[in-house]
PDB file of all heavy atoms in Angstrom:
ATOM      1  N   ASP A   1      -1.370   6.661   7.795  1.00  0.00           N
ATOM      2  CA  ASP A   1      -1.068   8.086   7.573  1.00  0.00           C
ATOM      3  C   ASP A   1      -2.359   8.917   7.485  1.00  0.00           C
ATOM      4  O   ASP A   1      -2.268  10.138   7.411  1.00  0.00           O
ATOM      5  CB  ASP A   1      -0.214   8.258   6.303  1.00  0.00           C
ATOM      6  CG  ASP A   1       1.137   7.618   6.434  1.00  0.00           C
ATOM      7  OD1 ASP A   1       1.602   7.426   7.558  1.00  0.00           O
ATOM      8  OD2 ASP A   1       1.733   7.298   5.364  1.00  0.00           O
ATOM      9  N   GLY A   2      -3.485   8.267   7.407  1.00  0.00           N
ATOM     10  CA  GLY A   2      -4.795   8.951   7.361  1.00  0.00           C
ATOM     11  C   GLY A   2      -5.111   9.601   6.048  1.00  0.00           C
ATOM     12  O   GLY A   2      -5.926  10.565   6.008  1.00  0.00           O
ATOM     13  N   MET A   3      -4.481   9.153   4.955  1.00  0.00           N
ATOM     14  CA  MET A   3      -4.718   9.762   3.670  1.00  0.00           C
ATOM     15  C   MET A   3      -6.047   9.260   3.167  1.00  0.00           C
ATOM     16  O   MET A   3      -6.505   8.167   3.525  1.00  0.00           O
ATOM     17  CB  MET A   3      -3.593   9.429   2.657  1.00  0.00           C
ATOM     18  CG  MET A   3      -2.273  10.035   3.092  1.00  0.00           C
ATOM     19  SD  MET A   3      -0.867   9.412   2.055  1.00  0.00           S
ATOM     20  CE  MET A   3      -1.232  10.211   0.519  1.00  0.00           C
ATOM     21  N   THR A   4      -6.686  10.015   2.262  1.00  0.00           N
ATOM     22  CA  THR A   4      -7.937   9.564   1.610  1.00  0.00           C
ATOM     23  C   THR A   4      -7.548   8.640   0.427  1.00  0.00           C
ATOM     24  O   THR A   4      -6.414   8.641  -0.006  1.00  0.00           O
ATOM     25  CB  THR A   4      -8.724  10.774   1.080  1.00  0.00           C
ATOM     26  OG1 THR A   4      -7.941  11.400  -0.001  1.00  0.00           O
ATOM     27  CG2 THR A   4      -9.039  11.779   2.130  1.00  0.00           C
ATOM     28  N   PHE A   5      -8.546   7.961  -0.086  1.00  0.00           N
ATOM     29  CA  PHE A   5      -8.282   7.114  -1.287  1.00  0.00           C
ATOM     30  C   PHE A   5      -7.820   8.011  -2.440  1.00  0.00           C
ATOM     31  O   PHE A   5      -6.964   7.587  -3.228  1.00  0.00           O
ATOM     32  CB  PHE A   5      -9.512   6.335  -1.670  1.00  0.00           C
ATOM     33  CG  PHE A   5      -9.755   5.129  -0.765  1.00  0.00           C
ATOM     34  CD1 PHE A   5     -10.930   5.035  -0.026  1.00  0.00           C
ATOM     35  CD2 PHE A   5      -8.851   4.131  -0.668  1.00  0.00           C
ATOM     36  CE1 PHE A   5     -11.139   3.930   0.821  1.00  0.00           C
ATOM     37  CE2 PHE A   5      -9.074   3.018   0.151  1.00  0.00           C
ATOM     38  CZ  PHE A   5     -10.199   2.967   0.914  1.00  0.00           C
ATOM     39  N   HIS A   6      -8.393   9.148  -2.530  1.00  0.00           N
ATOM     40  CA  HIS A   6      -8.027  10.078  -3.604  1.00  0.00           C
ATOM     41  C   HIS A   6      -6.522  10.454  -3.457  1.00  0.00           C
ATOM     42  O   HIS A   6      -5.743  10.484  -4.472  1.00  0.00           O
ATOM     43  CB  HIS A   6      -8.869  11.359  -3.578  1.00  0.00           C
ATOM     44  CG  HIS A   6      -8.628  12.227  -4.708  1.00  0.00           C
ATOM     45  ND1 HIS A   6      -7.664  13.295  -4.717  1.00  0.00           N
ATOM     46  CD2 HIS A   6      -9.194  12.312  -5.970  1.00  0.00           C
ATOM     47  CE1 HIS A   6      -7.662  13.887  -5.838  1.00  0.00           C
ATOM     48  NE2 HIS A   6      -8.571  13.342  -6.642  1.00  0.00           N
ATOM     49  N   GLU A   7      -6.074  10.761  -2.254  1.00  0.00           N
ATOM     50  CA  GLU A   7      -4.664  11.103  -2.012  1.00  0.00           C
ATOM     51  C   GLU A   7      -3.720   9.918  -2.232  1.00  0.00           C
ATOM     52  O   GLU A   7      -2.629  10.052  -2.807  1.00  0.00           O
ATOM     53  CB  GLU A   7      -4.518  11.617  -0.567  1.00  0.00           C
ATOM     54  CG  GLU A   7      -5.169  12.975  -0.317  1.00  0.00           C
ATOM     55  CD  GLU A   7      -5.245  13.285   1.159  1.00  0.00           C
ATOM     56  OE1 GLU A   7      -5.351  12.422   1.995  1.00  0.00           O
ATOM     57  OE2 GLU A   7      -5.231  14.522   1.418  1.00  0.00           O
ATOM     58  N   VAL A   8      -4.194   8.734  -1.809  1.00  0.00           N
ATOM     59  CA  VAL A   8      -3.383   7.521  -2.075  1.00  0.00           C
ATOM     60  C   VAL A   8      -3.217   7.274  -3.536  1.00  0.00           C
ATOM     61  O   VAL A   8      -2.128   7.015  -4.054  1.00  0.00           O
ATOM     62  CB  VAL A   8      -4.020   6.306  -1.359  1.00  0.00           C
ATOM     63  CG1 VAL A   8      -3.334   4.994  -1.787  1.00  0.00           C
ATOM     64  CG2 VAL A   8      -3.989   6.444   0.128  1.00  0.00           C
ATOM     65  N   ALA A   9      -4.345   7.387  -4.271  1.00  0.00           N
ATOM     66  CA  ALA A   9      -4.297   7.180  -5.731  1.00  0.00           C
ATOM     67  C   ALA A   9      -3.388   8.160  -6.369  1.00  0.00           C
ATOM     68  O   ALA A   9      -2.555   7.794  -7.252  1.00  0.00           O
ATOM     69  CB  ALA A   9      -5.692   7.290  -6.274  1.00  0.00           C
ATOM     70  N   ALA A  10      -3.434   9.411  -6.015  1.00  0.00           N
ATOM     71  CA  ALA A  10      -2.580  10.420  -6.585  1.00  0.00           C
ATOM     72  C   ALA A  10      -1.090  10.188  -6.281  1.00  0.00           C
ATOM     73  O   ALA A  10      -0.232  10.283  -7.149  1.00  0.00           O
ATOM     74  CB  ALA A  10      -2.973  11.846  -6.073  1.00  0.00           C
ATOM     75  N   ALA A  11      -0.797   9.790  -5.086  1.00  0.00           N
ATOM     76  CA  ALA A  11       0.561   9.533  -4.606  1.00  0.00           C
ATOM     77  C   ALA A  11       1.172   8.353  -5.383  1.00  0.00           C
ATOM     78  O   ALA A  11       2.352   8.309  -5.708  1.00  0.00           O
ATOM     79  CB  ALA A  11       0.629   9.304  -3.106  1.00  0.00           C
ATOM     80  N   LEU A  12       0.352   7.348  -5.661  1.00  0.00           N
ATOM     81  CA  LEU A  12       0.835   6.127  -6.308  1.00  0.00           C
ATOM     82  C   LEU A  12       0.630   6.105  -7.835  1.00  0.00           C
ATOM     83  O   LEU A  12       1.100   5.217  -8.491  1.00  0.00           O
ATOM     84  CB  LEU A  12       0.127   4.888  -5.698  1.00  0.00           C
ATOM     85  CG  LEU A  12       0.439   4.611  -4.266  1.00  0.00           C
ATOM     86  CD1 LEU A  12      -0.342   3.371  -3.767  1.00  0.00           C
ATOM     87  CD2 LEU A  12       1.944   4.359  -4.027  1.00  0.00           C
ATOM     88  N   GLY A  13      -0.036   7.161  -8.352  1.00  0.00           N
ATOM     89  CA  GLY A  13      -0.326   7.236  -9.766  1.00  0.00           C
ATOM     90  C   GLY A  13      -1.258   6.176 -10.252  1.00  0.00           C
ATOM     91  O   GLY A  13      -1.093   5.592 -11.354  1.00  0.00           O
ATOM     92  N   ILE A  14      -2.298   5.876  -9.466  1.00  0.00           N
ATOM     93  CA  ILE A  14      -3.247   4.817  -9.811  1.00  0.00           C
ATOM     94  C   ILE A  14      -4.695   5.404  -9.692  1.00  0.00           C
ATOM     95  O   ILE A  14      -4.842   6.548  -9.176  1.00  0.00           O
ATOM     96  CB  ILE A  14      -3.134   3.587  -8.900  1.00  0.00           C
ATOM     97  CG1 ILE A  14      -3.316   3.946  -7.435  1.00  0.00           C
ATOM     98  CG2 ILE A  14      -1.739   2.929  -9.142  1.00  0.00           C
ATOM     99  CD1 ILE A  14      -3.284   2.791  -6.450  1.00  0.00           C
ATOM    100  N   SER A  15      -5.661   4.635 -10.093  1.00  0.00           N
ATOM    101  CA  SER A  15      -7.022   5.099  -9.954  1.00  0.00           C
ATOM    102  C   SER A  15      -7.501   4.973  -8.534  1.00  0.00           C
ATOM    103  O   SER A  15      -6.954   4.243  -7.726  1.00  0.00           O
ATOM    104  CB  SER A  15      -7.996   4.271 -10.880  1.00  0.00           C
ATOM    105  OG  SER A  15      -8.083   2.944 -10.362  1.00  0.00           O
ATOM    106  N   ILE A  16      -8.592   5.706  -8.210  1.00  0.00           N
ATOM    107  CA  ILE A  16      -9.114   5.675  -6.841  1.00  0.00           C
ATOM    108  C   ILE A  16      -9.694   4.232  -6.625  1.00  0.00           C
ATOM    109  O   ILE A  16      -9.536   3.721  -5.440  1.00  0.00           O
ATOM    110  CB  ILE A  16     -10.240   6.735  -6.694  1.00  0.00           C
ATOM    111  CG1 ILE A  16      -9.614   8.094  -6.758  1.00  0.00           C
ATOM    112  CG2 ILE A  16     -10.954   6.555  -5.321  1.00  0.00           C
ATOM    113  CD1 ILE A  16     -10.585   9.234  -6.862  1.00  0.00           C
ATOM    114  N   GLY A  17     -10.280   3.646  -7.590  1.00  0.00           N
ATOM    115  CA  GLY A  17     -10.813   2.295  -7.430  1.00  0.00           C
ATOM    116  C   GLY A  17      -9.698   1.292  -7.104  1.00  0.00           C
ATOM    117  O   GLY A  17      -9.836   0.418  -6.290  1.00  0.00           O
ATOM    118  N   LEU A  18      -8.571   1.402  -7.822  1.00  0.00           N
ATOM    119  CA  LEU A  18      -7.466   0.521  -7.536  1.00  0.00           C
ATOM    120  C   LEU A  18      -6.836   0.783  -6.129  1.00  0.00           C
ATOM    121  O   LEU A  18      -6.522  -0.188  -5.430  1.00  0.00           O
ATOM    122  CB  LEU A  18      -6.350   0.674  -8.589  1.00  0.00           C
ATOM    123  CG  LEU A  18      -5.110  -0.218  -8.405  1.00  0.00           C
ATOM    124  CD1 LEU A  18      -5.500  -1.684  -8.282  1.00  0.00           C
ATOM    125  CD2 LEU A  18      -4.171  -0.019  -9.547  1.00  0.00           C
ATOM    126  N   ALA A  19      -6.813   2.030  -5.717  1.00  0.00           N
ATOM    127  CA  ALA A  19      -6.335   2.326  -4.352  1.00  0.00           C
ATOM    128  C   ALA A  19      -7.242   1.634  -3.340  1.00  0.00           C
ATOM    129  O   ALA A  19      -6.759   1.032  -2.376  1.00  0.00           O
ATOM    130  CB  ALA A  19      -6.321   3.833  -4.132  1.00  0.00           C
ATOM    131  N   HIS A  20      -8.532   1.694  -3.530  1.00  0.00           N
ATOM    132  CA  HIS A  20      -9.469   1.055  -2.646  1.00  0.00           C
ATOM    133  C   HIS A  20      -9.254  -0.454  -2.648  1.00  0.00           C
ATOM    134  O   HIS A  20      -9.269  -1.099  -1.563  1.00  0.00           O
ATOM    135  CB  HIS A  20     -10.936   1.402  -3.083  1.00  0.00           C
ATOM    136  CG  HIS A  20     -11.964   0.907  -2.113  1.00  0.00           C
ATOM    137  ND1 HIS A  20     -12.505  -0.300  -2.248  1.00  0.00           N
ATOM    138  CD2 HIS A  20     -12.499   1.543  -1.049  1.00  0.00           C
ATOM    139  CE1 HIS A  20     -13.430  -0.431  -1.252  1.00  0.00           C
ATOM    140  NE2 HIS A  20     -13.417   0.641  -0.515  1.00  0.00           N
ATOM    141  N   ARG A  21      -9.093  -1.062  -3.818  1.00  0.00           N
ATOM    142  CA  ARG A  21      -8.889  -2.501  -3.898  1.00  0.00           C
ATOM    143  C   ARG A  21      -7.615  -2.919  -3.184  1.00  0.00           C
ATOM    144  O   ARG A  21      -7.609  -3.926  -2.481  1.00  0.00           O
ATOM    145  CB  ARG A  21      -8.857  -2.923  -5.368  1.00  0.00           C
ATOM    146  CG  ARG A  21      -8.922  -4.417  -5.501  1.00  0.00           C
ATOM    147  CD  ARG A  21      -8.844  -4.913  -6.946  1.00  0.00           C
ATOM    148  NE  ARG A  21      -7.453  -5.257  -7.129  1.00  0.00           N
ATOM    149  CZ  ARG A  21      -6.754  -5.127  -8.292  1.00  0.00           C
ATOM    150  NH1 ARG A  21      -7.332  -4.623  -9.339  1.00  0.00           N
ATOM    151  NH2 ARG A  21      -5.521  -5.503  -8.343  1.00  0.00           N
ATOM    152  N   LEU A  22      -6.528  -2.175  -3.334  1.00  0.00           N
ATOM    153  CA  LEU A  22      -5.260  -2.537  -2.740  1.00  0.00           C
ATOM    154  C   LEU A  22      -5.418  -2.492  -1.203  1.00  0.00           C
ATOM    155  O   LEU A  22      -4.911  -3.414  -0.506  1.00  0.00           O
ATOM    156  CB  LEU A  22      -4.143  -1.581  -3.170  1.00  0.00           C
ATOM    157  CG  LEU A  22      -3.760  -1.681  -4.628  1.00  0.00           C
ATOM    158  CD1 LEU A  22      -2.764  -0.604  -4.976  1.00  0.00           C
ATOM    159  CD2 LEU A  22      -3.248  -3.033  -5.008  1.00  0.00           C
ATOM    160  N   VAL A  23      -6.059  -1.438  -0.690  1.00  0.00           N
ATOM    161  CA  VAL A  23      -6.249  -1.388   0.779  1.00  0.00           C
ATOM    162  C   VAL A  23      -7.117  -2.546   1.270  1.00  0.00           C
ATOM    163  O   VAL A  23      -6.819  -3.171   2.296  1.00  0.00           O
ATOM    164  CB  VAL A  23      -6.873  -0.017   1.175  1.00  0.00           C
ATOM    165  CG1 VAL A  23      -7.263   0.004   2.632  1.00  0.00           C
ATOM    166  CG2 VAL A  23      -5.878   1.104   0.841  1.00  0.00           C
ATOM    167  N   ARG A  24      -8.148  -2.822   0.537  1.00  0.00           N
ATOM    168  CA  ARG A  24      -9.033  -3.939   0.904  1.00  0.00           C
ATOM    169  C   ARG A  24      -8.279  -5.297   0.869  1.00  0.00           C
ATOM    170  O   ARG A  24      -8.440  -6.080   1.792  1.00  0.00           O
ATOM    171  CB  ARG A  24     -10.278  -4.029   0.029  1.00  0.00           C
ATOM    172  CG  ARG A  24     -11.269  -5.084   0.407  1.00  0.00           C
ATOM    173  CD  ARG A  24     -12.531  -5.122  -0.521  1.00  0.00           C
ATOM    174  NE  ARG A  24     -12.095  -5.583  -1.855  1.00  0.00           N
ATOM    175  CZ  ARG A  24     -12.278  -4.867  -2.948  1.00  0.00           C
ATOM    176  NH1 ARG A  24     -12.811  -3.695  -2.902  1.00  0.00           N
ATOM    177  NH2 ARG A  24     -11.891  -5.376  -4.115  1.00  0.00           N
ATOM    178  N   GLU A  25      -7.478  -5.469  -0.116  1.00  0.00           N
ATOM    179  CA  GLU A  25      -6.637  -6.726  -0.184  1.00  0.00           C
ATOM    180  C   GLU A  25      -5.709  -6.829   0.986  1.00  0.00           C
ATOM    181  O   GLU A  25      -5.541  -7.900   1.548  1.00  0.00           O
ATOM    182  CB  GLU A  25      -5.848  -6.768  -1.480  1.00  0.00           C
ATOM    183  CG  GLU A  25      -6.695  -7.045  -2.726  1.00  0.00           C
ATOM    184  CD  GLU A  25      -5.979  -6.935  -4.011  1.00  0.00           C
ATOM    185  OE1 GLU A  25      -4.728  -6.674  -4.000  1.00  0.00           O
ATOM    186  OE2 GLU A  25      -6.561  -7.149  -5.083  1.00  0.00           O
ATOM    187  N   ALA A  26      -5.071  -5.716   1.351  1.00  0.00           N
ATOM    188  CA  ALA A  26      -4.169  -5.709   2.488  1.00  0.00           C
ATOM    189  C   ALA A  26      -4.906  -6.043   3.789  1.00  0.00           C
ATOM    190  O   ALA A  26      -4.432  -6.864   4.584  1.00  0.00           O
ATOM    191  CB  ALA A  26      -3.450  -4.400   2.595  1.00  0.00           C
ATOM    192  N   MET A  27      -6.084  -5.416   3.955  1.00  0.00           N
ATOM    193  CA  MET A  27      -6.844  -5.673   5.176  1.00  0.00           C
ATOM    194  C   MET A  27      -7.281  -7.102   5.231  1.00  0.00           C
ATOM    195  O   MET A  27      -7.247  -7.790   6.325  1.00  0.00           O
ATOM    196  CB  MET A  27      -8.028  -4.708   5.240  1.00  0.00           C
ATOM    197  CG  MET A  27      -7.550  -3.285   5.490  1.00  0.00           C
ATOM    198  SD  MET A  27      -8.892  -2.103   5.541  1.00  0.00           S
ATOM    199  CE  MET A  27      -9.744  -2.614   6.997  1.00  0.00           C
ATOM    200  N   THR A  28      -7.735  -7.660   4.110  1.00  0.00           N
ATOM    201  CA  THR A  28      -8.195  -9.061   4.062  1.00  0.00           C
ATOM    202  C   THR A  28      -7.040  -9.997   4.386  1.00  0.00           C
ATOM    203  O   THR A  28      -7.186 -10.988   5.107  1.00  0.00           O
ATOM    204  CB  THR A  28      -8.795  -9.363   2.661  1.00  0.00           C
ATOM    205  OG1 THR A  28      -9.908  -8.497   2.446  1.00  0.00           O
ATOM    206  CG2 THR A  28      -9.258 -10.822   2.550  1.00  0.00           C
ATOM    207  N   HIS A  29      -5.855  -9.718   3.833  1.00  0.00           N
ATOM    208  CA  HIS A  29      -4.659 -10.527   4.081  1.00  0.00           C
ATOM    209  C   HIS A  29      -4.287 -10.508   5.538  1.00  0.00           C
ATOM    210  O   HIS A  29      -4.017 -11.554   6.160  1.00  0.00           O
ATOM    211  CB  HIS A  29      -3.526 -10.053   3.204  1.00  0.00           C
ATOM    212  CG  HIS A  29      -2.236 -10.804   3.401  1.00  0.00           C
ATOM    213  ND1 HIS A  29      -2.072 -12.084   2.890  1.00  0.00           N
ATOM    214  CD2 HIS A  29      -1.105 -10.543   4.007  1.00  0.00           C
ATOM    215  CE1 HIS A  29      -0.905 -12.541   3.234  1.00  0.00           C
ATOM    216  NE2 HIS A  29      -0.256 -11.617   3.880  1.00  0.00           N
ATOM    217  N   CYS A  30      -4.275  -9.335   6.169  1.00  0.00           N
ATOM    218  CA  CYS A  30      -3.948  -9.208   7.608  1.00  0.00           C
ATOM    219  C   CYS A  30      -4.990  -9.962   8.447  1.00  0.00           C
ATOM    220  O   CYS A  30      -4.621 -10.670   9.403  1.00  0.00           O
ATOM    221  CB  CYS A  30      -3.887  -7.776   7.989  1.00  0.00           C
ATOM    222  SG  CYS A  30      -2.459  -6.896   7.346  1.00  0.00           S
ATOM    223  N   ALA A  31      -6.247  -9.809   8.117  1.00  0.00           N
ATOM    224  CA  ALA A  31      -7.294 -10.508   8.863  1.00  0.00           C
ATOM    225  C   ALA A  31      -7.132 -12.043   8.776  1.00  0.00           C
ATOM    226  O   ALA A  31      -7.267 -12.712   9.796  1.00  0.00           O
ATOM    227  CB  ALA A  31      -8.667 -10.081   8.388  1.00  0.00           C
ATOM    228  N   ALA A  32      -6.809 -12.505   7.614  1.00  0.00           N
ATOM    229  CA  ALA A  32      -6.619 -13.941   7.444  1.00  0.00           C
ATOM    230  C   ALA A  32      -5.418 -14.441   8.264  1.00  0.00           C
ATOM    231  O   ALA A  32      -5.472 -15.523   8.832  1.00  0.00           O
ATOM    232  CB  ALA A  32      -6.401 -14.274   5.961  1.00  0.00           C
ATOM    233  N   ARG A  33      -4.353 -13.676   8.265  1.00  0.00           N
ATOM    234  CA  ARG A  33      -3.198 -14.035   9.057  1.00  0.00           C
ATOM    235  C   ARG A  33      -3.535 -14.064  10.551  1.00  0.00           C
ATOM    236  O   ARG A  33      -3.018 -14.918  11.292  1.00  0.00           O
ATOM    237  CB  ARG A  33      -2.025 -13.090   8.800  1.00  0.00           C
ATOM    238  CG  ARG A  33      -1.329 -13.285   7.484  1.00  0.00           C
ATOM    239  CD  ARG A  33      -0.545 -14.576   7.455  1.00  0.00           C
ATOM    240  NE  ARG A  33       0.280 -14.717   8.592  1.00  0.00           N
ATOM    241  CZ  ARG A  33       1.560 -14.392   8.694  1.00  0.00           C
ATOM    242  NH1 ARG A  33       2.182 -13.994   7.642  1.00  0.00           N
ATOM    243  NH2 ARG A  33       2.267 -14.546   9.854  1.00  0.00           N
ATOM    244  N   LEU A  34      -4.340 -13.140  10.987  1.00  0.00           N
ATOM    245  CA  LEU A  34      -4.753 -13.123  12.397  1.00  0.00           C
ATOM    246  C   LEU A  34      -5.540 -14.287  12.807  1.00  0.00           C
ATOM    247  O   LEU A  34      -5.629 -14.730  13.961  1.00  0.00           O
ATOM    248  CB  LEU A  34      -5.433 -11.831  12.764  1.00  0.00           C
ATOM    249  CG  LEU A  34      -4.508 -10.590  12.798  1.00  0.00           C
ATOM    250  CD1 LEU A  34      -5.374  -9.320  12.817  1.00  0.00           C
ATOM    251  CD2 LEU A  34      -3.548 -10.683  13.980  1.00  0.00           C
ATOM    252  N   ASP A  35      -6.317 -14.881  11.802  1.00  0.00           N
ATOM    253  CA  ASP A  35      -7.134 -16.048  12.097  1.00  0.00           C
ATOM    254  C   ASP A  35      -6.415 -17.392  12.058  1.00  0.00           C
ATOM    255  O   ASP A  35      -6.953 -18.362  12.472  1.00  0.00           O
ATOM    256  CB  ASP A  35      -8.287 -16.117  11.025  1.00  0.00           C
ATOM    257  CG  ASP A  35      -9.367 -15.111  11.295  1.00  0.00           C
ATOM    258  OD1 ASP A  35      -9.429 -14.614  12.412  1.00  0.00           O
ATOM    259  OD2 ASP A  35     -10.135 -14.830  10.353  1.00  0.00           O
ATOM    260  N   ARG A  36      -5.125 -17.357  11.598  1.00  0.00           N
ATOM    261  CA  ARG A  36      -4.353 -18.595  11.526  1.00  0.00           C
ATOM    262  C   ARG A  36      -3.847 -18.963  12.904  1.00  0.00           C
ATOM    263  O   ARG A  36      -3.505 -18.118  13.676  1.00  0.00           O
ATOM    264  CB  ARG A  36      -3.104 -18.390  10.653  1.00  0.00           C
ATOM    265  CG  ARG A  36      -3.367 -18.440   9.212  1.00  0.00           C
ATOM    266  CD  ARG A  36      -1.992 -18.423   8.531  1.00  0.00           C
ATOM    267  NE  ARG A  36      -2.141 -17.933   7.159  1.00  0.00           N
ATOM    268  CZ  ARG A  36      -1.138 -17.584   6.398  1.00  0.00           C
ATOM    269  NH1 ARG A  36       0.138 -17.635   6.866  1.00  0.00           N
ATOM    270  NH2 ARG A  36      -1.339 -17.166   5.176  1.00  0.00           N
ATOM    271  N   PRO A  37      -3.759 -20.279  13.160  1.00  0.00           N
ATOM    272  CA  PRO A  37      -3.127 -20.708  14.455  1.00  0.00           C
ATOM    273  C   PRO A  37      -1.631 -20.366  14.402  1.00  0.00           C
ATOM    274  O   PRO A  37      -1.058 -20.334  13.304  1.00  0.00           O
ATOM    275  CB  PRO A  37      -3.341 -22.168  14.529  1.00  0.00           C
ATOM    276  CG  PRO A  37      -3.813 -22.615  13.182  1.00  0.00           C
ATOM    277  CD  PRO A  37      -4.232 -21.405  12.417  1.00  0.00           C
TER     278      PRO A  37
END
């Protein structure tokens, strides 16, 4: 959706740092799945 971390945090009622961590965790998870046979 192209939202900023600030916008994501506000929409979810969380801190900007947590928003960043959640996005990073999702990206890491997807990358790991793409590396699996």
